[in-house]
Amino acid sequence: MTDVEVVSRVRAGEIELFEVLMRRHNTRVYRVARAIIRDEAEAEDVMQQAYIKAFTHLDQFEDRSQFSTWLTRIAVHEALARRRKWQPDIVEPSGEGDHMDRFTAPQADPERQAYAQELGRVLEHAVDELPETYRTVFMLRDVDGMSTTETADGLELGEEAVKTRLHRARAMLRRSITAQIGEASASAFQFHAVRCDRVVAGVLSHIRQLPTAAR
């Protein structure tokens, strides 16, 4: 089923099918929340709140747009709201190439896998150190693989702003770790099964307790 078909059936009362949408988009929602929050536990909380908000406002989703983009916007707003509670005086960045090479590695042996995992940790640390204005764009474009248009829509930016920020983020990273990145970016900021199950269970538990009118 497409996202639109699943949404239609959830709207019709098959609320358990909302799990399909969560599992389908968990990694992307985690990555955008993690890019803004930079704390794994808080990012999970943001995810749950974003999903609950999406569920309770499914009537506002317009079928002509992509559900993933709509959900990304909700997650961005939830993450920013959460961060502002920690840092009430923070000033949000205003809107404002080349392509970082992606390499395909041969079938990894245990040594190569261990090396890739270490590079993944190096990359995650380097991305965390980027200014947020670049970090979120890099996370969505290069780590999650969203298109420029999808990223612009999800972050409510112009496409040129996305391109500019991505170019600068890549340049910052390239200066320190280009020689080490390899294929590690594709495996960075993964949202593994146990954590996925935890978020899904938490959201479904909350949804089941909602009054019928709120569904």
N, C-alpha and C. Protein backbone atom coordinates (compact mmCIF):
# COMPACT_ATOMS: atom_id res chain seq x y z
N MET A 1 0.83 -1.20 0.00
CA MET A 1 0.00 0.00 0.00
C MET A 1 0.87 1.25 0.00
N THR A 2 0.42 2.26 -0.68
CA THR A 2 1.10 3.54 -0.63
C THR A 2 0.77 4.23 0.69
N ASP A 3 1.54 5.26 1.02
CA ASP A 3 1.25 6.02 2.23
C ASP A 3 -0.17 6.58 2.20
N VAL A 4 -0.57 7.09 1.06
CA VAL A 4 -1.90 7.69 0.93
C VAL A 4 -2.98 6.65 1.21
N GLU A 5 -2.78 5.44 0.70
CA GLU A 5 -3.76 4.38 0.94
C GLU A 5 -3.83 4.00 2.41
N VAL A 6 -2.67 3.93 3.05
CA VAL A 6 -2.65 3.62 4.48
C VAL A 6 -3.34 4.71 5.27
N VAL A 7 -3.03 5.96 4.96
CA VAL A 7 -3.66 7.09 5.65
C VAL A 7 -5.17 7.03 5.50
N SER A 8 -5.64 6.72 4.31
CA SER A 8 -7.08 6.64 4.05
C SER A 8 -7.73 5.58 4.93
N ARG A 9 -7.08 4.44 5.07
CA ARG A 9 -7.65 3.37 5.88
C ARG A 9 -7.58 3.69 7.37
N VAL A 10 -6.52 4.39 7.79
CA VAL A 10 -6.45 4.82 9.20
C VAL A 10 -7.57 5.81 9.48
N ARG A 11 -7.78 6.73 8.57
CA ARG A 11 -8.86 7.69 8.73
C ARG A 11 -10.22 7.00 8.83
N ALA A 12 -10.35 5.87 8.13
CA ALA A 12 -11.62 5.13 8.10
C ALA A 12 -11.82 4.28 9.36
N GLY A 13 -10.82 4.27 10.24
CA GLY A 13 -10.99 3.58 11.50
C GLY A 13 -10.02 2.46 11.78
N GLU A 14 -9.18 2.10 10.82
CA GLU A 14 -8.20 1.02 11.04
C GLU A 14 -6.94 1.62 11.67
N ILE A 15 -7.07 2.04 12.92
CA ILE A 15 -6.00 2.81 13.55
C ILE A 15 -4.71 2.00 13.72
N GLU A 16 -4.83 0.67 13.82
CA GLU A 16 -3.63 -0.15 13.99
C GLU A 16 -2.69 -0.03 12.79
N LEU A 17 -3.24 0.32 11.62
CA LEU A 17 -2.41 0.46 10.43
C LEU A 17 -1.46 1.65 10.51
N PHE A 18 -1.67 2.51 11.50
CA PHE A 18 -0.75 3.64 11.67
C PHE A 18 0.66 3.12 11.94
N GLU A 19 0.75 1.90 12.48
CA GLU A 19 2.06 1.28 12.71
C GLU A 19 2.85 1.16 11.41
N VAL A 20 2.16 0.89 10.31
CA VAL A 20 2.83 0.77 9.01
C VAL A 20 3.56 2.06 8.66
N LEU A 21 2.89 3.17 8.88
CA LEU A 21 3.48 4.47 8.57
C LEU A 21 4.68 4.76 9.48
N MET A 22 4.56 4.41 10.75
CA MET A 22 5.66 4.67 11.67
C MET A 22 6.89 3.86 11.30
N ARG A 23 6.70 2.57 11.05
CA ARG A 23 7.85 1.72 10.71
C ARG A 23 8.45 2.11 9.37
N ARG A 24 7.62 2.59 8.48
CA ARG A 24 8.11 2.99 7.16
C ARG A 24 8.97 4.24 7.24
N HIS A 25 8.68 5.14 8.17
CA HIS A 25 9.34 6.45 8.21
C HIS A 25 10.16 6.69 9.48
N ASN A 26 10.32 5.68 10.32
CA ASN A 26 11.01 5.86 11.59
C ASN A 26 12.43 6.39 11.43
N THR A 27 13.17 5.86 10.49
CA THR A 27 14.57 6.29 10.35
C THR A 27 14.66 7.76 9.96
N ARG A 28 13.82 8.16 9.01
CA ARG A 28 13.86 9.56 8.59
C ARG A 28 13.44 10.50 9.72
N VAL A 29 12.38 10.16 10.43
CA VAL A 29 11.91 11.01 11.52
C VAL A 29 12.97 11.09 12.62
N TYR A 30 13.61 9.95 12.90
CA TYR A 30 14.67 9.95 13.91
C TYR A 30 15.83 10.86 13.48
N ARG A 31 16.21 10.74 12.23
CA ARG A 31 17.37 11.51 11.78
C ARG A 31 17.13 13.01 11.84
N VAL A 32 15.93 13.45 11.46
CA VAL A 32 15.69 14.89 11.50
C VAL A 32 15.58 15.37 12.94
N ALA A 33 14.97 14.56 13.82
CA ALA A 33 14.88 14.94 15.23
C ALA A 33 16.27 14.95 15.86
N ARG A 34 17.05 13.94 15.54
CA ARG A 34 18.40 13.83 16.08
C ARG A 34 19.31 14.96 15.61
N ALA A 35 19.09 15.42 14.38
CA ALA A 35 19.90 16.52 13.85
C ALA A 35 19.67 17.80 14.63
N ILE A 36 18.46 18.00 15.11
CA ILE A 36 18.12 19.22 15.82
C ILE A 36 18.40 19.09 17.32
N ILE A 37 18.05 17.93 17.89
CA ILE A 37 18.16 17.74 19.33
C ILE A 37 19.54 17.32 19.78
N ARG A 38 20.20 16.46 18.98
CA ARG A 38 21.53 15.94 19.30
C ARG A 38 21.55 15.15 20.62
N ASP A 39 20.44 14.53 20.94
CA ASP A 39 20.35 13.67 22.11
C ASP A 39 19.42 12.52 21.75
N GLU A 40 19.90 11.28 21.85
CA GLU A 40 19.14 10.15 21.34
C GLU A 40 17.82 9.93 22.09
N ALA A 41 17.87 10.00 23.42
CA ALA A 41 16.65 9.78 24.20
C ALA A 41 15.62 10.87 23.93
N GLU A 42 16.06 12.11 23.89
CA GLU A 42 15.14 13.21 23.60
C GLU A 42 14.59 13.09 22.18
N ALA A 43 15.44 12.64 21.25
CA ALA A 43 14.97 12.46 19.87
C ALA A 43 13.83 11.45 19.81
N GLU A 44 13.92 10.39 20.61
CA GLU A 44 12.83 9.41 20.64
C GLU A 44 11.55 10.03 21.17
N ASP A 45 11.67 10.86 22.20
CA ASP A 45 10.48 11.54 22.73
C ASP A 45 9.87 12.45 21.67
N VAL A 46 10.73 13.16 20.94
CA VAL A 46 10.24 14.03 19.87
C VAL A 46 9.51 13.21 18.82
N MET A 47 10.07 12.05 18.48
CA MET A 47 9.42 11.19 17.49
C MET A 47 8.02 10.80 17.93
N GLN A 48 7.89 10.38 19.18
CA GLN A 48 6.57 9.97 19.66
C GLN A 48 5.58 11.12 19.60
N GLN A 49 6.01 12.30 20.02
CA GLN A 49 5.12 13.45 19.97
C GLN A 49 4.75 13.82 18.54
N ALA A 50 5.72 13.70 17.64
CA ALA A 50 5.44 14.01 16.23
C ALA A 50 4.42 13.04 15.65
N TYR A 51 4.57 11.75 15.97
CA TYR A 51 3.63 10.76 15.45
C TYR A 51 2.23 10.95 16.04
N ILE A 52 2.18 11.25 17.33
CA ILE A 52 0.87 11.48 17.95
C ILE A 52 0.20 12.69 17.32
N LYS A 53 0.97 13.74 17.11
CA LYS A 53 0.40 14.94 16.48
C LYS A 53 -0.05 14.63 15.06
N ALA A 54 0.75 13.86 14.32
CA ALA A 54 0.37 13.49 12.95
C ALA A 54 -0.93 12.68 12.96
N PHE A 55 -1.03 11.74 13.87
CA PHE A 55 -2.23 10.90 13.95
C PHE A 55 -3.48 11.73 14.24
N THR A 56 -3.36 12.62 15.23
CA THR A 56 -4.53 13.40 15.63
C THR A 56 -4.89 14.49 14.62
N HIS A 57 -3.99 14.75 13.65
CA HIS A 57 -4.26 15.76 12.63
C HIS A 57 -4.25 15.16 11.22
N LEU A 58 -4.52 13.87 11.13
CA LEU A 58 -4.51 13.23 9.81
C LEU A 58 -5.51 13.86 8.85
N ASP A 59 -6.57 14.45 9.41
CA ASP A 59 -7.56 15.10 8.54
C ASP A 59 -6.98 16.32 7.82
N GLN A 60 -5.83 16.82 8.30
CA GLN A 60 -5.20 17.98 7.67
C GLN A 60 -4.21 17.59 6.57
N PHE A 61 -3.91 16.28 6.48
CA PHE A 61 -2.99 15.83 5.44
C PHE A 61 -3.70 15.83 4.09
N GLU A 62 -3.09 16.49 3.12
CA GLU A 62 -3.67 16.58 1.78
C GLU A 62 -3.03 15.53 0.89
N ASP A 63 -3.87 14.71 0.26
CA ASP A 63 -3.38 13.56 -0.50
C ASP A 63 -2.46 13.94 -1.66
N ARG A 64 -2.53 15.18 -2.11
CA ARG A 64 -1.69 15.55 -3.25
C ARG A 64 -0.23 15.78 -2.86
N SER A 65 0.05 15.85 -1.57
CA SER A 65 1.42 16.01 -1.11
C SER A 65 1.95 14.68 -0.58
N GLN A 66 3.26 14.58 -0.36
CA GLN A 66 3.85 13.36 0.16
C GLN A 66 3.68 13.31 1.67
N PHE A 67 3.25 12.16 2.17
CA PHE A 67 3.08 12.00 3.60
C PHE A 67 4.41 12.17 4.33
N SER A 68 5.50 11.66 3.73
CA SER A 68 6.81 11.75 4.36
C SER A 68 7.24 13.20 4.57
N THR A 69 6.92 14.07 3.60
CA THR A 69 7.28 15.48 3.73
C THR A 69 6.44 16.14 4.82
N TRP A 70 5.16 15.84 4.82
CA TRP A 70 4.25 16.39 5.84
C TRP A 70 4.72 15.95 7.23
N LEU A 71 5.08 14.70 7.38
CA LEU A 71 5.53 14.16 8.66
C LEU A 71 6.86 14.79 9.07
N THR A 72 7.75 15.01 8.11
CA THR A 72 9.03 15.64 8.40
C THR A 72 8.84 17.03 8.97
N ARG A 73 7.92 17.78 8.39
CA ARG A 73 7.65 19.13 8.91
C ARG A 73 7.19 19.08 10.36
N ILE A 74 6.31 18.14 10.66
CA ILE A 74 5.81 18.01 12.03
C ILE A 74 6.97 17.69 12.97
N ALA A 75 7.84 16.77 12.55
CA ALA A 75 8.98 16.39 13.39
C ALA A 75 9.93 17.56 13.61
N VAL A 76 10.16 18.35 12.56
CA VAL A 76 11.03 19.53 12.68
C VAL A 76 10.46 20.50 13.71
N HIS A 77 9.17 20.79 13.61
CA HIS A 77 8.56 21.74 14.53
C HIS A 77 8.57 21.21 15.97
N GLU A 78 8.33 19.91 16.13
CA GLU A 78 8.36 19.32 17.47
C GLU A 78 9.77 19.39 18.06
N ALA A 79 10.78 19.09 17.24
CA ALA A 79 12.16 19.13 17.72
C ALA A 79 12.57 20.54 18.10
N LEU A 80 12.22 21.51 17.28
CA LEU A 80 12.56 22.89 17.58
C LEU A 80 11.86 23.37 18.85
N ALA A 81 10.60 22.97 19.02
CA ALA A 81 9.86 23.35 20.23
C ALA A 81 10.52 22.74 21.47
N ARG A 82 10.95 21.47 21.35
CA ARG A 82 11.60 20.81 22.47
C ARG A 82 12.92 21.51 22.81
N ARG A 83 13.68 21.86 21.80
CA ARG A 83 14.97 22.50 22.05
C ARG A 83 14.80 23.88 22.66
N ARG A 84 13.77 24.60 22.23
CA ARG A 84 13.54 25.95 22.79
C ARG A 84 13.22 25.89 24.28
N LYS A 85 12.67 24.77 24.75
CA LYS A 85 12.41 24.63 26.18
C LYS A 85 13.73 24.56 26.95
N TRP A 86 14.76 23.98 26.30
CA TRP A 86 16.07 23.92 26.94
C TRP A 86 16.80 25.24 26.82
N GLN A 87 16.66 25.87 25.64
CA GLN A 87 17.43 27.07 25.33
C GLN A 87 16.48 28.17 24.85
N PRO A 88 15.74 28.77 25.77
CA PRO A 88 14.71 29.74 25.39
C PRO A 88 15.23 30.97 24.66
N ASP A 89 16.52 31.26 24.82
CA ASP A 89 17.06 32.47 24.19
C ASP A 89 17.70 32.20 22.84
N ILE A 90 17.61 30.96 22.36
CA ILE A 90 18.29 30.62 21.11
C ILE A 90 17.65 31.33 19.93
N VAL A 91 18.46 31.74 18.99
CA VAL A 91 17.98 32.39 17.77
C VAL A 91 18.05 31.38 16.64
N GLU A 92 16.91 31.11 15.99
CA GLU A 92 16.89 30.14 14.91
C GLU A 92 17.60 30.72 13.69
N PRO A 93 18.36 29.90 12.97
CA PRO A 93 19.06 30.37 11.77
C PRO A 93 18.10 30.75 10.67
N SER A 94 18.47 31.73 9.87
CA SER A 94 17.61 32.17 8.77
C SER A 94 17.99 31.43 7.49
N GLY A 95 17.10 31.47 6.49
CA GLY A 95 17.35 30.77 5.24
C GLY A 95 18.48 31.38 4.42
N GLU A 96 19.09 30.70 3.72
CA GLU A 96 20.09 31.26 2.84
C GLU A 96 19.49 31.42 1.43
N GLY A 97 25.94 22.43 -6.31
CA GLY A 97 27.20 22.21 -5.71
C GLY A 97 27.78 20.93 -6.23
N ASP A 98 28.53 21.20 -5.28
CA ASP A 98 29.17 19.96 -5.69
C ASP A 98 28.60 18.79 -4.91
N HIS A 99 29.00 17.57 -5.26
CA HIS A 99 28.40 16.39 -4.64
C HIS A 99 29.47 15.57 -3.94
N MET A 100 29.23 15.26 -2.68
CA MET A 100 30.16 14.42 -1.96
C MET A 100 30.10 13.01 -2.54
N ASP A 101 31.26 12.48 -2.91
CA ASP A 101 31.28 11.16 -3.55
C ASP A 101 30.75 10.10 -2.61
N ARG A 102 29.98 9.17 -3.21
CA ARG A 102 29.52 8.00 -2.48
C ARG A 102 30.23 6.80 -3.09
N PHE A 103 30.84 6.00 -2.28
CA PHE A 103 31.61 4.87 -2.77
C PHE A 103 30.89 3.58 -2.42
N THR A 104 30.90 2.63 -3.36
CA THR A 104 30.31 1.33 -3.11
C THR A 104 31.41 0.37 -2.72
N ALA A 105 31.34 -0.14 -1.50
CA ALA A 105 32.39 -1.03 -1.01
C ALA A 105 32.08 -2.46 -1.42
N PRO A 106 33.11 -3.29 -1.56
CA PRO A 106 32.87 -4.71 -1.81
C PRO A 106 32.25 -5.36 -0.60
N GLN A 107 31.83 -6.62 -0.74
CA GLN A 107 31.24 -7.34 0.38
C GLN A 107 32.18 -7.26 1.58
N ALA A 108 31.65 -6.75 2.69
CA ALA A 108 32.51 -6.46 3.83
C ALA A 108 32.86 -7.71 4.62
N ASP A 109 34.15 -7.86 4.93
CA ASP A 109 34.56 -8.91 5.85
C ASP A 109 34.49 -8.32 7.26
N PRO A 110 34.65 -9.14 8.31
CA PRO A 110 34.52 -8.62 9.68
C PRO A 110 35.41 -7.42 9.97
N GLU A 111 36.65 -7.45 9.46
CA GLU A 111 37.56 -6.32 9.70
C GLU A 111 37.04 -5.06 9.04
N ARG A 112 36.56 -5.20 7.79
CA ARG A 112 36.03 -4.04 7.08
C ARG A 112 34.77 -3.51 7.75
N GLN A 113 33.94 -4.42 8.25
CA GLN A 113 32.72 -4.00 8.94
C GLN A 113 33.05 -3.21 10.20
N ALA A 114 34.04 -3.69 10.96
CA ALA A 114 34.44 -2.97 12.17
C ALA A 114 34.98 -1.59 11.82
N TYR A 115 35.74 -1.52 10.72
CA TYR A 115 36.30 -0.24 10.28
C TYR A 115 35.18 0.71 9.88
N ALA A 116 34.19 0.17 9.14
CA ALA A 116 33.06 1.00 8.70
C ALA A 116 32.28 1.53 9.89
N GLN A 117 32.10 0.68 10.91
CA GLN A 117 31.39 1.13 12.11
C GLN A 117 32.14 2.26 12.80
N GLU A 118 33.44 2.14 12.86
CA GLU A 118 34.24 3.21 13.48
C GLU A 118 34.14 4.49 12.68
N LEU A 119 34.18 4.39 11.35
CA LEU A 119 34.03 5.58 10.52
C LEU A 119 32.64 6.18 10.70
N GLY A 120 31.64 5.32 10.89
CA GLY A 120 30.30 5.82 11.14
C GLY A 120 30.25 6.66 12.40
N ARG A 121 30.96 6.22 13.43
CA ARG A 121 31.01 7.00 14.68
C ARG A 121 31.74 8.32 14.46
N VAL A 122 32.81 8.27 13.66
CA VAL A 122 33.54 9.50 13.35
C VAL A 122 32.64 10.48 12.63
N LEU A 123 31.89 9.97 11.66
CA LEU A 123 31.00 10.82 10.89
C LEU A 123 29.90 11.40 11.77
N GLU A 124 29.31 10.56 12.61
CA GLU A 124 28.24 11.04 13.49
C GLU A 124 28.74 12.18 14.38
N HIS A 125 29.94 12.01 14.93
CA HIS A 125 30.50 13.07 15.78
C HIS A 125 30.74 14.34 14.96
N ALA A 126 31.27 14.18 13.75
CA ALA A 126 31.55 15.35 12.90
C ALA A 126 30.26 16.06 12.53
N VAL A 127 29.22 15.31 12.22
CA VAL A 127 27.93 15.93 11.86
C VAL A 127 27.35 16.65 13.07
N ASP A 128 27.46 16.04 14.25
CA ASP A 128 26.95 16.70 15.46
C ASP A 128 27.63 18.05 15.71
N GLU A 129 28.87 18.19 15.25
CA GLU A 129 29.62 19.42 15.47
C GLU A 129 29.28 20.50 14.45
N LEU A 130 28.55 20.15 13.39
CA LEU A 130 28.15 21.17 12.41
C LEU A 130 27.16 22.14 13.03
N PRO A 131 27.18 23.41 12.60
CA PRO A 131 26.11 24.32 13.02
C PRO A 131 24.76 23.76 12.56
N GLU A 132 23.73 23.96 13.35
CA GLU A 132 22.43 23.35 13.01
C GLU A 132 21.93 23.73 11.62
N THR A 133 22.21 24.98 11.21
CA THR A 133 21.72 25.44 9.92
C THR A 133 22.21 24.55 8.78
N TYR A 134 23.37 23.89 8.99
CA TYR A 134 23.91 22.97 7.98
C TYR A 134 23.65 21.51 8.35
N ARG A 135 23.63 21.24 9.65
CA ARG A 135 23.52 19.86 10.10
C ARG A 135 22.21 19.20 9.66
N THR A 136 21.11 19.91 9.79
CA THR A 136 19.82 19.33 9.46
C THR A 136 19.71 19.06 7.97
N VAL A 137 20.17 19.98 7.16
CA VAL A 137 20.14 19.78 5.71
C VAL A 137 21.01 18.60 5.31
N PHE A 138 22.22 18.51 5.88
CA PHE A 138 23.11 17.39 5.56
C PHE A 138 22.48 16.06 5.95
N MET A 139 21.85 16.03 7.13
CA MET A 139 21.24 14.80 7.61
C MET A 139 20.17 14.31 6.64
N LEU A 140 19.32 15.21 6.18
CA LEU A 140 18.22 14.81 5.29
C LEU A 140 18.71 14.51 3.88
N ARG A 141 19.62 15.31 3.36
CA ARG A 141 20.05 15.12 1.97
C ARG A 141 21.05 13.98 1.82
N ASP A 142 22.12 13.98 2.60
CA ASP A 142 23.18 13.01 2.37
C ASP A 142 23.07 11.75 3.21
N VAL A 143 22.52 11.85 4.40
CA VAL A 143 22.39 10.67 5.23
C VAL A 143 21.09 9.92 4.89
N ASP A 144 19.99 10.66 4.81
CA ASP A 144 18.70 10.01 4.56
C ASP A 144 18.38 9.91 3.07
N GLY A 145 19.05 10.68 2.21
CA GLY A 145 18.86 10.55 0.78
C GLY A 145 17.66 11.28 0.21
N MET A 146 17.12 12.26 0.94
CA MET A 146 16.00 13.03 0.40
C MET A 146 16.48 13.92 -0.74
N SER A 147 15.58 14.23 -1.64
CA SER A 147 15.91 15.13 -2.74
C SER A 147 15.96 16.56 -2.23
N THR A 148 16.50 17.46 -3.06
CA THR A 148 16.54 18.88 -2.69
C THR A 148 15.13 19.41 -2.45
N THR A 149 14.21 19.03 -3.33
CA THR A 149 12.83 19.51 -3.22
C THR A 149 12.18 19.01 -1.94
N GLU A 150 12.36 17.71 -1.63
CA GLU A 150 11.78 17.14 -0.42
C GLU A 150 12.35 17.82 0.82
N THR A 151 13.66 18.04 0.81
CA THR A 151 14.30 18.69 1.96
C THR A 151 13.80 20.12 2.13
N ALA A 152 13.70 20.83 1.03
CA ALA A 152 13.20 22.21 1.08
C ALA A 152 11.78 22.26 1.63
N ASP A 153 10.94 21.34 1.16
CA ASP A 153 9.55 21.31 1.63
C ASP A 153 9.49 20.92 3.11
N GLY A 154 10.28 19.93 3.49
CA GLY A 154 10.24 19.47 4.87
C GLY A 154 10.74 20.50 5.87
N LEU A 155 11.74 21.28 5.47
CA LEU A 155 12.32 22.28 6.36
C LEU A 155 11.75 23.67 6.12
N GLU A 156 10.85 23.76 5.13
CA GLU A 156 10.23 25.04 4.77
C GLU A 156 11.29 26.08 4.41
N LEU A 157 12.18 25.67 3.51
CA LEU A 157 13.23 26.54 2.98
C LEU A 157 13.10 26.61 1.47
N GLY A 158 13.80 27.56 0.85
CA GLY A 158 13.91 27.58 -0.59
C GLY A 158 14.93 26.54 -1.03
N GLU A 159 14.81 26.07 -2.26
CA GLU A 159 15.74 25.05 -2.76
C GLU A 159 17.17 25.59 -2.83
N GLU A 160 17.34 26.86 -3.16
CA GLU A 160 18.69 27.42 -3.21
C GLU A 160 19.32 27.45 -1.83
N ALA A 161 18.51 27.71 -0.81
CA ALA A 161 19.02 27.69 0.56
C ALA A 161 19.49 26.30 0.93
N VAL A 162 18.74 25.28 0.52
CA VAL A 162 19.13 23.90 0.79
C VAL A 162 20.46 23.59 0.11
N LYS A 163 20.59 23.97 -1.16
CA LYS A 163 21.83 23.71 -1.91
C LYS A 163 23.03 24.41 -1.27
N THR A 164 22.82 25.65 -0.86
CA THR A 164 23.92 26.41 -0.26
C THR A 164 24.36 25.79 1.06
N ARG A 165 23.39 25.44 1.89
CA ARG A 165 23.72 24.86 3.19
C ARG A 165 24.39 23.50 3.03
N LEU A 166 23.90 22.72 2.08
CA LEU A 166 24.48 21.41 1.86
C LEU A 166 25.92 21.53 1.37
N HIS A 167 26.15 22.46 0.46
CA HIS A 167 27.52 22.67 -0.04
C HIS A 167 28.46 23.04 1.10
N ARG A 168 28.02 23.92 1.97
CA ARG A 168 28.88 24.36 3.07
C ARG A 168 29.08 23.24 4.10
N ALA A 169 28.02 22.46 4.35
CA ALA A 169 28.15 21.35 5.29
C ALA A 169 29.15 20.33 4.77
N ARG A 170 29.06 20.00 3.48
CA ARG A 170 29.99 19.04 2.90
C ARG A 170 31.43 19.55 2.96
N ALA A 171 31.59 20.84 2.71
CA ALA A 171 32.93 21.41 2.74
C ALA A 171 33.53 21.32 4.14
N MET A 172 32.70 21.60 5.16
CA MET A 172 33.17 21.52 6.54
C MET A 172 33.60 20.09 6.89
N LEU A 173 32.77 19.14 6.48
CA LEU A 173 33.09 17.74 6.78
C LEU A 173 34.29 17.26 5.97
N ARG A 174 34.34 17.68 4.71
CA ARG A 174 35.40 17.20 3.83
C ARG A 174 36.78 17.57 4.35
N ARG A 175 36.88 18.76 4.93
CA ARG A 175 38.18 19.22 5.39
C ARG A 175 38.77 18.29 6.45
N SER A 176 37.92 17.66 7.23
CA SER A 176 38.44 16.85 8.34
C SER A 176 38.36 15.34 8.12
N ILE A 177 37.34 14.88 7.35
CA ILE A 177 37.17 13.42 7.32
C ILE A 177 36.90 12.82 5.95
N THR A 178 37.05 13.58 4.87
CA THR A 178 36.74 13.03 3.55
C THR A 178 37.49 11.73 3.29
N ALA A 179 38.75 11.66 3.68
CA ALA A 179 39.55 10.48 3.39
C ALA A 179 39.05 9.24 4.13
N GLN A 180 38.20 9.45 5.17
CA GLN A 180 37.78 8.32 5.99
C GLN A 180 36.32 7.91 5.78
N ILE A 181 35.53 8.76 5.14
CA ILE A 181 34.09 8.54 5.15
C ILE A 181 33.68 7.27 4.41
N GLY A 182 34.10 7.10 3.15
CA GLY A 182 33.70 5.94 2.38
C GLY A 182 32.19 5.77 2.36
N GLU A 183 31.76 4.58 2.65
CA GLU A 183 30.34 4.26 2.62
C GLU A 183 29.67 4.46 3.97
N ALA A 184 30.43 5.00 4.95
CA ALA A 184 29.91 5.06 6.31
C ALA A 184 28.67 5.92 6.45
N SER A 185 28.52 6.97 5.61
CA SER A 185 27.40 7.87 5.79
C SER A 185 26.06 7.17 5.67
N ALA A 186 25.99 6.14 4.84
CA ALA A 186 24.71 5.45 4.64
C ALA A 186 24.29 4.67 5.87
N SER A 187 25.26 4.29 6.73
CA SER A 187 24.93 3.50 7.91
C SER A 187 24.90 4.33 9.19
N ALA A 188 25.13 5.62 9.07
CA ALA A 188 25.15 6.47 10.26
C ALA A 188 23.73 6.84 10.69
N PHE A 189 23.57 7.09 11.99
CA PHE A 189 22.30 7.51 12.58
C PHE A 189 21.18 6.52 12.26
N GLN A 190 21.49 5.22 12.37
CA GLN A 190 20.48 4.21 12.15
C GLN A 190 19.51 4.18 13.32
N PHE A 191 18.29 3.76 13.04
CA PHE A 191 17.28 3.64 14.09
C PHE A 191 16.91 2.17 14.15
N HIS A 192 17.56 1.42 15.05
CA HIS A 192 17.51 -0.02 15.02
C HIS A 192 16.20 -0.58 15.59
N ALA A 193 16.00 -1.89 15.38
CA ALA A 193 14.71 -2.53 15.61
C ALA A 193 14.18 -2.33 17.02
N VAL A 194 15.03 -2.49 18.03
CA VAL A 194 14.55 -2.38 19.41
C VAL A 194 14.01 -0.99 19.68
N ARG A 195 14.71 0.01 19.23
CA ARG A 195 14.26 1.38 19.43
C ARG A 195 13.03 1.67 18.60
N CYS A 196 13.00 1.13 17.38
CA CYS A 196 11.83 1.29 16.52
C CYS A 196 10.60 0.70 17.21
N ASP A 197 10.74 -0.51 17.75
CA ASP A 197 9.63 -1.15 18.45
C ASP A 197 9.16 -0.32 19.64
N ARG A 198 10.11 0.27 20.36
CA ARG A 198 9.78 1.06 21.54
C ARG A 198 8.94 2.28 21.18
N VAL A 199 9.34 2.99 20.13
CA VAL A 199 8.58 4.17 19.70
C VAL A 199 7.20 3.78 19.19
N VAL A 200 7.15 2.75 18.36
CA VAL A 200 5.86 2.30 17.82
C VAL A 200 4.92 1.90 18.94
N ALA A 201 5.40 1.12 19.91
CA ALA A 201 4.56 0.67 21.02
C ALA A 201 4.06 1.86 21.84
N GLY A 202 4.93 2.82 22.09
CA GLY A 202 4.53 3.99 22.86
C GLY A 202 3.45 4.81 22.18
N VAL A 203 3.61 5.02 20.88
CA VAL A 203 2.63 5.80 20.13
C VAL A 203 1.30 5.06 20.04
N LEU A 204 1.33 3.78 19.72
CA LEU A 204 0.09 3.01 19.61
C LEU A 204 -0.65 2.95 20.94
N SER A 205 0.10 2.83 22.03
CA SER A 205 -0.53 2.81 23.35
C SER A 205 -1.26 4.12 23.61
N HIS A 206 -0.63 5.23 23.24
CA HIS A 206 -1.26 6.54 23.43
C HIS A 206 -2.49 6.68 22.54
N ILE A 207 -2.37 6.26 21.29
CA ILE A 207 -3.48 6.39 20.34
C ILE A 207 -4.70 5.60 20.80
N ARG A 208 -4.47 4.40 21.29
CA ARG A 208 -5.59 3.55 21.73
C ARG A 208 -6.35 4.17 22.90
N GLN A 209 -5.69 5.05 23.67
CA GLN A 209 -6.34 5.67 24.81
C GLN A 209 -7.05 6.98 24.45
N LEU A 210 -6.87 7.44 23.22
CA LEU A 210 -7.53 8.67 22.80
C LEU A 210 -9.04 8.48 22.72
N PRO A 211 -9.81 9.49 23.11
CA PRO A 211 -11.26 9.41 22.90
C PRO A 211 -11.56 9.21 21.42
N THR A 212 -12.64 8.55 21.12
CA THR A 212 -12.98 8.27 19.73
C THR A 212 -13.04 9.54 18.90
N ALA A 213 -13.52 10.62 19.48
CA ALA A 213 -13.66 11.89 18.73
C ALA A 213 -12.30 12.44 18.32
N ALA A 214 -11.27 12.13 19.10
CA ALA A 214 -9.94 12.65 18.81
C ALA A 214 -9.25 11.87 17.70
N ARG A 215 -9.82 10.73 17.34
CA ARG A 215 -9.23 9.92 16.30
C ARG A 215 -9.71 10.34 14.91
